[in-house]
Amino acid sequence: MSYINAKSVLPEEMIEEIQKYVNGVNLYIPKVPEANSTSSSYKLELYQRNQAIYELYLQGETVSELAAEYYLSAKSIYRIIGEIKKK
C-alpha cells in the first residue's frame, strides 16, 4: 500500500481538524462502497446463509447434517456458529 501526503489532497482546514484526533498517525480511509456492488450483495447472501445455519443449529440440526445440506465442511459450520455466538 502506498501513502499519499494529506497536504497534497486535502484542504488545510480538514487536515487541522483531523490532527485534533490523530496527530501524526498513519490513517487508513476506506473508499465509499458502490451502491450496487456485487460484493455487498454477496456479503448479504453469506450473512443470510450463516444466520439460517445458526438458526437450524439452535433448532437441533447436527453439524454434520448442516455440512451436508450446505455443502460445507464441519469445520466451516463450527466457524460460522462460533462467529455468530460471539456477536
PDB file of N, CA and C in Angstrom:
ATOM      1  N   MET A   1       0.852  -1.171   0.000  1.00  0.00           N
ATOM      2  CA  MET A   1       0.000   0.000   0.000  1.00  0.00           C
ATOM      3  C   MET A   1       0.894   1.228   0.000  1.00  0.00           C
ATOM      4  N   SER A   2       0.601   2.158  -0.870  1.00  0.00           N
ATOM      5  CA  SER A   2       1.379   3.391  -0.890  1.00  0.00           C
ATOM      6  C   SER A   2       0.622   4.479  -0.138  1.00  0.00           C
ATOM      7  N   TYR A   3       1.373   5.422   0.371  1.00  0.00           N
ATOM      8  CA  TYR A   3       0.781   6.504   1.144  1.00  0.00           C
ATOM      9  C   TYR A   3       0.853   7.806   0.365  1.00  0.00           C
ATOM     10  N   ILE A   4      -0.114   8.661   0.595  1.00  0.00           N
ATOM     11  CA  ILE A   4      -0.164   9.976  -0.034  1.00  0.00           C
ATOM     12  C   ILE A   4      -0.170  11.002   1.084  1.00  0.00           C
ATOM     13  N   ASN A   5       0.624  12.031   0.931  1.00  0.00           N
ATOM     14  CA  ASN A   5       0.650  13.093   1.923  1.00  0.00           C
ATOM     15  C   ASN A   5      -0.684  13.835   1.876  1.00  0.00           C
ATOM     16  N   ALA A   6      -1.322  13.959   3.017  1.00  0.00           N
ATOM     17  CA  ALA A   6      -2.639  14.592   3.095  1.00  0.00           C
ATOM     18  C   ALA A   6      -2.612  16.020   2.553  1.00  0.00           C
ATOM     19  N   LYS A   7      -1.484  16.716   2.710  1.00  0.00           N
ATOM     20  CA  LYS A   7      -1.392  18.099   2.226  1.00  0.00           C
ATOM     21  C   LYS A   7      -1.565  18.198   0.713  1.00  0.00           C
ATOM     22  N   SER A   8      -1.312  17.092   0.008  1.00  0.00           N
ATOM     23  CA  SER A   8      -1.443  17.148  -1.443  1.00  0.00           C
ATOM     24  C   SER A   8      -2.866  16.892  -1.932  1.00  0.00           C
ATOM     25  N   VAL A   9      -3.762  16.416  -1.038  1.00  0.00           N
ATOM     26  CA  VAL A   9      -5.119  16.098  -1.489  1.00  0.00           C
ATOM     27  C   VAL A   9      -6.241  16.683  -0.637  1.00  0.00           C
ATOM     28  N   LEU A  10      -5.930  17.152   0.570  1.00  0.00           N
ATOM     29  CA  LEU A  10      -6.972  17.671   1.454  1.00  0.00           C
ATOM     30  C   LEU A  10      -6.778  19.150   1.740  1.00  0.00           C
ATOM     31  N   PRO A  11      -7.872  19.866   1.974  1.00  0.00           N
ATOM     32  CA  PRO A  11      -7.753  21.275   2.353  1.00  0.00           C
ATOM     33  C   PRO A  11      -7.132  21.408   3.750  1.00  0.00           C
ATOM     34  N   GLU A  12      -6.421  22.492   3.963  1.00  0.00           N
ATOM     35  CA  GLU A  12      -5.712  22.724   5.226  1.00  0.00           C
ATOM     36  C   GLU A  12      -6.653  22.655   6.432  1.00  0.00           C
ATOM     37  N   GLU A  13      -7.869  23.185   6.297  1.00  0.00           N
ATOM     38  CA  GLU A  13      -8.823  23.169   7.404  1.00  0.00           C
ATOM     39  C   GLU A  13      -9.178  21.737   7.812  1.00  0.00           C
ATOM     40  N   MET A  14      -9.316  20.877   6.826  1.00  0.00           N
ATOM     41  CA  MET A  14      -9.652  19.486   7.107  1.00  0.00           C
ATOM     42  C   MET A  14      -8.479  18.778   7.798  1.00  0.00           C
ATOM     43  N   ILE A  15      -7.289  19.055   7.336  1.00  0.00           N
ATOM     44  CA  ILE A  15      -6.105  18.462   7.960  1.00  0.00           C
ATOM     45  C   ILE A  15      -6.009  18.882   9.418  1.00  0.00           C
ATOM     46  N   GLU A  16      -6.240  20.152   9.690  1.00  0.00           N
ATOM     47  CA  GLU A  16      -6.180  20.644  11.064  1.00  0.00           C
ATOM     48  C   GLU A  16      -7.235  19.964  11.938  1.00  0.00           C
ATOM     49  N   GLU A  17      -8.411  19.727  11.391  1.00  0.00           N
ATOM     50  CA  GLU A  17      -9.472  19.055  12.149  1.00  0.00           C
ATOM     51  C   GLU A  17      -9.089  17.599  12.429  1.00  0.00           C
ATOM     52  N   ILE A  18      -8.567  16.904  11.436  1.00  0.00           N
ATOM     53  CA  ILE A  18      -8.148  15.513  11.622  1.00  0.00           C
ATOM     54  C   ILE A  18      -7.019  15.425  12.641  1.00  0.00           C
ATOM     55  N   GLN A  19      -6.112  16.392  12.626  1.00  0.00           N
ATOM     56  CA  GLN A  19      -4.983  16.387  13.562  1.00  0.00           C
ATOM     57  C   GLN A  19      -5.435  16.478  15.018  1.00  0.00           C
ATOM     58  N   LYS A  20      -6.613  17.014  15.249  1.00  0.00           N
ATOM     59  CA  LYS A  20      -7.140  17.066  16.616  1.00  0.00           C
ATOM     60  C   LYS A  20      -7.384  15.663  17.164  1.00  0.00           C
ATOM     61  N   TYR A  21      -7.644  14.711  16.280  1.00  0.00           N
ATOM     62  CA  TYR A  21      -7.967  13.350  16.682  1.00  0.00           C
ATOM     63  C   TYR A  21      -6.784  12.399  16.536  1.00  0.00           C
ATOM     64  N   VAL A  22      -6.051  12.516  15.459  1.00  0.00           N
ATOM     65  CA  VAL A  22      -4.942  11.593  15.179  1.00  0.00           C
ATOM     66  C   VAL A  22      -3.757  12.370  14.614  1.00  0.00           C
ATOM     67  N   ASN A  23      -2.994  12.965  15.455  1.00  0.00           N
ATOM     68  CA  ASN A  23      -1.867  13.782  15.036  1.00  0.00           C
ATOM     69  C   ASN A  23      -0.651  12.922  14.738  1.00  0.00           C
ATOM     70  N   GLY A  24      -0.235  12.892  13.479  1.00  0.00           N
ATOM     71  CA  GLY A  24       0.976  12.183  13.091  1.00  0.00           C
ATOM     72  C   GLY A  24       0.843  10.681  12.968  1.00  0.00           C
ATOM     73  N   VAL A  25      -0.364  10.159  12.999  1.00  0.00           N
ATOM     74  CA  VAL A  25      -0.594   8.714  12.905  1.00  0.00           C
ATOM     75  C   VAL A  25      -0.955   8.363  11.467  1.00  0.00           C
ATOM     76  N   ASN A  26      -0.482   7.205  11.001  1.00  0.00           N
ATOM     77  CA  ASN A  26      -0.922   6.732   9.690  1.00  0.00           C
ATOM     78  C   ASN A  26      -2.390   6.378   9.797  1.00  0.00           C
ATOM     79  N   LEU A  27      -3.189   6.891   8.892  1.00  0.00           N
ATOM     80  CA  LEU A  27      -4.637   6.723   8.961  1.00  0.00           C
ATOM     81  C   LEU A  27      -5.130   6.154   7.645  1.00  0.00           C
ATOM     82  N   TYR A  28      -5.892   5.069   7.719  1.00  0.00           N
ATOM     83  CA  TYR A  28      -6.495   4.469   6.536  1.00  0.00           C
ATOM     84  C   TYR A  28      -7.916   4.987   6.401  1.00  0.00           C
ATOM     85  N   ILE A  29      -8.254   5.490   5.235  1.00  0.00           N
ATOM     86  CA  ILE A  29      -9.611   5.957   4.964  1.00  0.00           C
ATOM     87  C   ILE A  29     -10.183   5.052   3.878  1.00  0.00           C
ATOM     88  N   PRO A  30     -11.180   4.228   4.222  1.00  0.00           N
ATOM     89  CA  PRO A  30     -11.729   3.299   3.234  1.00  0.00           C
ATOM     90  C   PRO A  30     -12.495   4.030   2.142  1.00  0.00           C
ATOM     91  N   LYS A  31     -12.520   3.414   0.972  1.00  0.00           N
ATOM     92  CA  LYS A  31     -13.278   4.032  -0.109  1.00  0.00           C
ATOM     93  C   LYS A  31     -14.768   3.841   0.128  1.00  0.00           C
ATOM     94  N   VAL A  32     -15.552   4.685  -0.470  1.00  0.00           N
ATOM     95  CA  VAL A  32     -17.005   4.626  -0.349  1.00  0.00           C
ATOM     96  C   VAL A  32     -17.486   3.400  -1.110  1.00  0.00           C
ATOM     97  N   PRO A  33     -18.292   2.540  -0.469  1.00  0.00           N
ATOM     98  CA  PRO A  33     -18.785   1.362  -1.180  1.00  0.00           C
ATOM     99  C   PRO A  33     -19.726   1.762  -2.311  1.00  0.00           C
ATOM    100  N   GLU A  34     -19.666   0.990  -3.380  1.00  0.00           N
ATOM    101  CA  GLU A  34     -20.545   1.263  -4.515  1.00  0.00           C
ATOM    102  C   GLU A  34     -21.963   0.833  -4.167  1.00  0.00           C
ATOM    103  N   ALA A  35     -22.925   1.574  -4.660  1.00  0.00           N
ATOM    104  CA  ALA A  35     -24.331   1.328  -4.319  1.00  0.00           C
ATOM    105  C   ALA A  35     -24.798  -0.052  -4.751  1.00  0.00           C
ATOM    106  N   ASN A  36     -24.479  -0.455  -5.958  1.00  0.00           N
ATOM    107  CA  ASN A  36     -24.926  -1.755  -6.464  1.00  0.00           C
ATOM    108  C   ASN A  36     -23.766  -2.716  -6.596  1.00  0.00           C
ATOM    109  N   SER A  37     -22.930  -2.742  -5.602  1.00  0.00           N
ATOM    110  CA  SER A  37     -21.749  -3.584  -5.635  1.00  0.00           C
ATOM    111  C   SER A  37     -22.136  -5.056  -5.533  1.00  0.00           C
ATOM    112  N   THR A  38     -21.526  -5.875  -6.373  1.00  0.00           N
ATOM    113  CA  THR A  38     -21.800  -7.308  -6.292  1.00  0.00           C
ATOM    114  C   THR A  38     -21.216  -7.890  -5.023  1.00  0.00           C
ATOM    115  N   SER A  39     -20.124  -7.308  -4.516  1.00  0.00           N
ATOM    116  CA  SER A  39     -19.532  -7.848  -3.291  1.00  0.00           C
ATOM    117  C   SER A  39     -20.462  -7.620  -2.103  1.00  0.00           C
ATOM    118  N   SER A  40     -21.175  -6.489  -2.073  1.00  0.00           N
ATOM    119  CA  SER A  40     -22.078  -6.247  -0.951  1.00  0.00           C
ATOM    120  C   SER A  40     -23.288  -7.177  -1.015  1.00  0.00           C
ATOM    121  N   SER A  41     -23.767  -7.505  -2.213  1.00  0.00           N
ATOM    122  CA  SER A  41     -24.888  -8.438  -2.306  1.00  0.00           C
ATOM    123  C   SER A  41     -24.411  -9.842  -1.945  1.00  0.00           C
ATOM    124  N   TYR A  42     -23.181 -10.175  -2.287  1.00  0.00           N
ATOM    125  CA  TYR A  42     -22.622 -11.471  -1.924  1.00  0.00           C
ATOM    126  C   TYR A  42     -22.471 -11.572  -0.406  1.00  0.00           C
ATOM    127  N   LYS A  43     -22.004 -10.499   0.222  1.00  0.00           N
ATOM    128  CA  LYS A  43     -21.866 -10.488   1.680  1.00  0.00           C
ATOM    129  C   LYS A  43     -23.230 -10.648   2.351  1.00  0.00           C
ATOM    130  N   LEU A  44     -24.240 -10.021   1.780  1.00  0.00           N
ATOM    131  CA  LEU A  44     -25.596 -10.159   2.323  1.00  0.00           C
ATOM    132  C   LEU A  44     -26.072 -11.605   2.214  1.00  0.00           C
ATOM    133  N   GLU A  45     -25.815 -12.235   1.070  1.00  0.00           N
ATOM    134  CA  GLU A  45     -26.205 -13.634   0.887  1.00  0.00           C
ATOM    135  C   GLU A  45     -25.501 -14.533   1.894  1.00  0.00           C
ATOM    136  N   LEU A  46     -24.205 -14.304   2.107  1.00  0.00           N
ATOM    137  CA  LEU A  46     -23.459 -15.097   3.083  1.00  0.00           C
ATOM    138  C   LEU A  46     -23.991 -14.881   4.495  1.00  0.00           C
ATOM    139  N   TYR A  47     -24.286 -13.631   4.808  1.00  0.00           N
ATOM    140  CA  TYR A  47     -24.834 -13.324   6.122  1.00  0.00           C
ATOM    141  C   TYR A  47     -26.146 -14.063   6.348  1.00  0.00           C
ATOM    142  N   GLN A  48     -27.023 -14.019   5.351  1.00  0.00           N
ATOM    143  CA  GLN A  48     -28.321 -14.682   5.470  1.00  0.00           C
ATOM    144  C   GLN A  48     -28.162 -16.198   5.562  1.00  0.00           C
ATOM    145  N   ARG A  49     -27.252 -16.762   4.761  1.00  0.00           N
ATOM    146  CA  ARG A  49     -26.992 -18.201   4.825  1.00  0.00           C
ATOM    147  C   ARG A  49     -26.480 -18.588   6.209  1.00  0.00           C
ATOM    148  N   ASN A  50     -25.520 -17.823   6.732  1.00  0.00           N
ATOM    149  CA  ASN A  50     -24.942 -18.127   8.037  1.00  0.00           C
ATOM    150  C   ASN A  50     -25.977 -18.012   9.149  1.00  0.00           C
ATOM    151  N   GLN A  51     -26.856 -17.032   9.051  1.00  0.00           N
ATOM    152  CA  GLN A  51     -27.926 -16.903  10.038  1.00  0.00           C
ATOM    153  C   GLN A  51     -28.856 -18.119   9.987  1.00  0.00           C
ATOM    154  N   ALA A  52     -29.163 -18.563   8.775  1.00  0.00           N
ATOM    155  CA  ALA A  52     -30.027 -19.738   8.619  1.00  0.00           C
ATOM    156  C   ALA A  52     -29.362 -20.977   9.211  1.00  0.00           C
ATOM    157  N   ILE A  53     -28.059 -21.123   8.969  1.00  0.00           N
ATOM    158  CA  ILE A  53     -27.316 -22.247   9.536  1.00  0.00           C
ATOM    159  C   ILE A  53     -27.392 -22.211  11.054  1.00  0.00           C
ATOM    160  N   TYR A  54     -27.172 -21.045  11.619  1.00  0.00           N
ATOM    161  CA  TYR A  54     -27.190 -20.913  13.079  1.00  0.00           C
ATOM    162  C   TYR A  54     -28.578 -21.224  13.645  1.00  0.00           C
ATOM    163  N   GLU A  55     -29.617 -20.733  12.991  1.00  0.00           N
ATOM    164  CA  GLU A  55     -30.980 -20.997  13.453  1.00  0.00           C
ATOM    165  C   GLU A  55     -31.290 -22.502  13.418  1.00  0.00           C
ATOM    166  N   LEU A  56     -30.887 -23.155  12.341  1.00  0.00           N
ATOM    167  CA  LEU A  56     -31.110 -24.602  12.240  1.00  0.00           C
ATOM    168  C   LEU A  56     -30.323 -25.351  13.309  1.00  0.00           C
ATOM    169  N   TYR A  57     -29.119 -24.881  13.588  1.00  0.00           N
ATOM    170  CA  TYR A  57     -28.305 -25.482  14.643  1.00  0.00           C
ATOM    171  C   TYR A  57     -29.007 -25.351  15.992  1.00  0.00           C
ATOM    172  N   LEU A  58     -29.562 -24.168  16.263  1.00  0.00           N
ATOM    173  CA  LEU A  58     -30.278 -23.956  17.520  1.00  0.00           C
ATOM    174  C   LEU A  58     -31.531 -24.819  17.615  1.00  0.00           C
ATOM    175  N   GLN A  59     -32.106 -25.146  16.458  1.00  0.00           N
ATOM    176  CA  GLN A  59     -33.306 -25.977  16.428  1.00  0.00           C
ATOM    177  C   GLN A  59     -32.986 -27.467  16.536  1.00  0.00           C
ATOM    178  N   GLY A  60     -31.694 -27.804  16.606  1.00  0.00           N
ATOM    179  CA  GLY A  60     -31.321 -29.190  16.846  1.00  0.00           C
ATOM    180  C   GLY A  60     -30.648 -29.930  15.721  1.00  0.00           C
ATOM    181  N   GLU A  61     -30.477 -29.299  14.552  1.00  0.00           N
ATOM    182  CA  GLU A  61     -29.764 -29.996  13.479  1.00  0.00           C
ATOM    183  C   GLU A  61     -28.297 -30.142  13.876  1.00  0.00           C
ATOM    184  N   THR A  62     -27.729 -31.270  13.513  1.00  0.00           N
ATOM    185  CA  THR A  62     -26.330 -31.519  13.863  1.00  0.00           C
ATOM    186  C   THR A  62     -25.402 -30.818  12.876  1.00  0.00           C
ATOM    187  N   VAL A  63     -24.161 -30.683  13.297  1.00  0.00           N
ATOM    188  CA  VAL A  63     -23.160 -30.053  12.435  1.00  0.00           C
ATOM    189  C   VAL A  63     -22.981 -30.854  11.158  1.00  0.00           C
ATOM    190  N   SER A  64     -22.966 -32.166  11.265  1.00  0.00           N
ATOM    191  CA  SER A  64     -22.782 -32.986  10.060  1.00  0.00           C
ATOM    192  C   SER A  64     -23.976 -32.859   9.110  1.00  0.00           C
ATOM    193  N   GLU A  65     -25.173 -32.743   9.635  1.00  0.00           N
ATOM    194  CA  GLU A  65     -26.353 -32.532   8.786  1.00  0.00           C
ATOM    195  C   GLU A  65     -26.266 -31.184   8.061  1.00  0.00           C
ATOM    196  N   LEU A  66     -25.881 -30.152   8.807  1.00  0.00           N
ATOM    197  CA  LEU A  66     -25.754 -28.820   8.205  1.00  0.00           C
ATOM    198  C   LEU A  66     -24.658 -28.796   7.150  1.00  0.00           C
ATOM    199  N   ALA A  67     -23.558 -29.464   7.434  1.00  0.00           N
ATOM    200  CA  ALA A  67     -22.452 -29.513   6.472  1.00  0.00           C
ATOM    201  C   ALA A  67     -22.902 -30.160   5.167  1.00  0.00           C
ATOM    202  N   ALA A  68     -23.645 -31.239   5.277  1.00  0.00           N
ATOM    203  CA  ALA A  68     -24.141 -31.925   4.075  1.00  0.00           C
ATOM    204  C   ALA A  68     -25.162 -31.071   3.333  1.00  0.00           C
ATOM    205  N   GLU A  69     -26.044 -30.435   4.075  1.00  0.00           N
ATOM    206  CA  GLU A  69     -27.101 -29.620   3.465  1.00  0.00           C
ATOM    207  C   GLU A  69     -26.552 -28.406   2.725  1.00  0.00           C
ATOM    208  N   TYR A  70     -25.503 -27.778   3.290  1.00  0.00           N
ATOM    209  CA  TYR A  70     -24.960 -26.553   2.701  1.00  0.00           C
ATOM    210  C   TYR A  70     -23.658 -26.783   1.931  1.00  0.00           C
ATOM    211  N   TYR A  71     -23.265 -28.031   1.762  1.00  0.00           N
ATOM    212  CA  TYR A  71     -22.048 -28.383   1.024  1.00  0.00           C
ATOM    213  C   TYR A  71     -20.815 -27.687   1.603  1.00  0.00           C
ATOM    214  N   LEU A  72     -20.727 -27.699   2.930  1.00  0.00           N
ATOM    215  CA  LEU A  72     -19.593 -27.122   3.635  1.00  0.00           C
ATOM    216  C   LEU A  72     -18.960 -28.193   4.513  1.00  0.00           C
ATOM    217  N   SER A  73     -17.741 -27.932   4.958  1.00  0.00           N
ATOM    218  CA  SER A  73     -17.104 -28.853   5.895  1.00  0.00           C
ATOM    219  C   SER A  73     -17.652 -28.617   7.291  1.00  0.00           C
ATOM    220  N   ALA A  74     -17.511 -29.612   8.141  1.00  0.00           N
ATOM    221  CA  ALA A  74     -17.933 -29.459   9.535  1.00  0.00           C
ATOM    222  C   ALA A  74     -17.160 -28.319  10.185  1.00  0.00           C
ATOM    223  N   LYS A  75     -15.903 -28.187   9.831  1.00  0.00           N
ATOM    224  CA  LYS A  75     -15.075 -27.107  10.382  1.00  0.00           C
ATOM    225  C   LYS A  75     -15.666 -25.741  10.031  1.00  0.00           C
ATOM    226  N   SER A  76     -16.144 -25.589   8.798  1.00  0.00           N
ATOM    227  CA  SER A  76     -16.762 -24.319   8.390  1.00  0.00           C
ATOM    228  C   SER A  76     -18.044 -24.048   9.179  1.00  0.00           C
ATOM    229  N   ILE A  77     -18.818 -25.085   9.411  1.00  0.00           N
ATOM    230  CA  ILE A  77     -20.058 -24.928  10.180  1.00  0.00           C
ATOM    231  C   ILE A  77     -19.727 -24.493  11.608  1.00  0.00           C
ATOM    232  N   TYR A  78     -18.734 -25.148  12.217  1.00  0.00           N
ATOM    233  CA  TYR A  78     -18.323 -24.748  13.570  1.00  0.00           C
ATOM    234  C   TYR A  78     -17.845 -23.293  13.603  1.00  0.00           C
ATOM    235  N   ARG A  79     -17.112 -22.868  12.547  1.00  0.00           N
ATOM    236  CA  ARG A  79     -16.623 -21.490  12.477  1.00  0.00           C
ATOM    237  C   ARG A  79     -17.797 -20.515  12.398  1.00  0.00           C
ATOM    238  N   ILE A  80     -18.776 -20.821  11.569  1.00  0.00           N
ATOM    239  CA  ILE A  80     -19.956 -19.952  11.412  1.00  0.00           C
ATOM    240  C   ILE A  80     -20.704 -19.844  12.731  1.00  0.00           C
ATOM    241  N   ILE A  81     -20.917 -20.975  13.378  1.00  0.00           N
ATOM    242  CA  ILE A  81     -21.634 -20.970  14.661  1.00  0.00           C
ATOM    243  C   ILE A  81     -20.866 -20.146  15.694  1.00  0.00           C
ATOM    244  N   GLY A  82     -19.550 -20.340  15.749  1.00  0.00           N
ATOM    245  CA  GLY A  82     -18.724 -19.601  16.692  1.00  0.00           C
ATOM    246  C   GLY A  82     -18.741 -18.112  16.452  1.00  0.00           C
ATOM    247  N   GLU A  83     -18.681 -17.694  15.179  1.00  0.00           N
ATOM    248  CA  GLU A  83     -18.703 -16.266  14.859  1.00  0.00           C
ATOM    249  C   GLU A  83     -20.025 -15.627  15.276  1.00  0.00           C
ATOM    250  N   ILE A  84     -21.115 -16.320  15.041  1.00  0.00           N
ATOM    251  CA  ILE A  84     -22.425 -15.757  15.393  1.00  0.00           C
ATOM    252  C   ILE A  84     -22.602 -15.722  16.907  1.00  0.00           C
ATOM    253  N   LYS A  85     -22.107 -16.733  17.609  1.00  0.00           N
ATOM    254  CA  LYS A  85     -22.203 -16.743  19.065  1.00  0.00           C
ATOM    255  C   LYS A  85     -21.447 -15.556  19.681  1.00  0.00           C
ATOM    256  N   LYS A  86     -20.333 -15.158  19.065  1.00  0.00           N
ATOM    257  CA  LYS A  86     -19.547 -14.027  19.575  1.00  0.00           C
ATOM    258  C   LYS A  86     -20.344 -12.742  19.545  1.00  0.00           C
ATOM    259  N   LYS A  87     -21.190 -12.614  18.549  1.00  0.00           N
ATOM    260  CA  LYS A  87     -21.968 -11.388  18.392  1.00  0.00           C
ATOM    261  C   LYS A  87     -23.080 -11.405  19.378  1.00  0.00           C
TER     262      LYS A  87
END
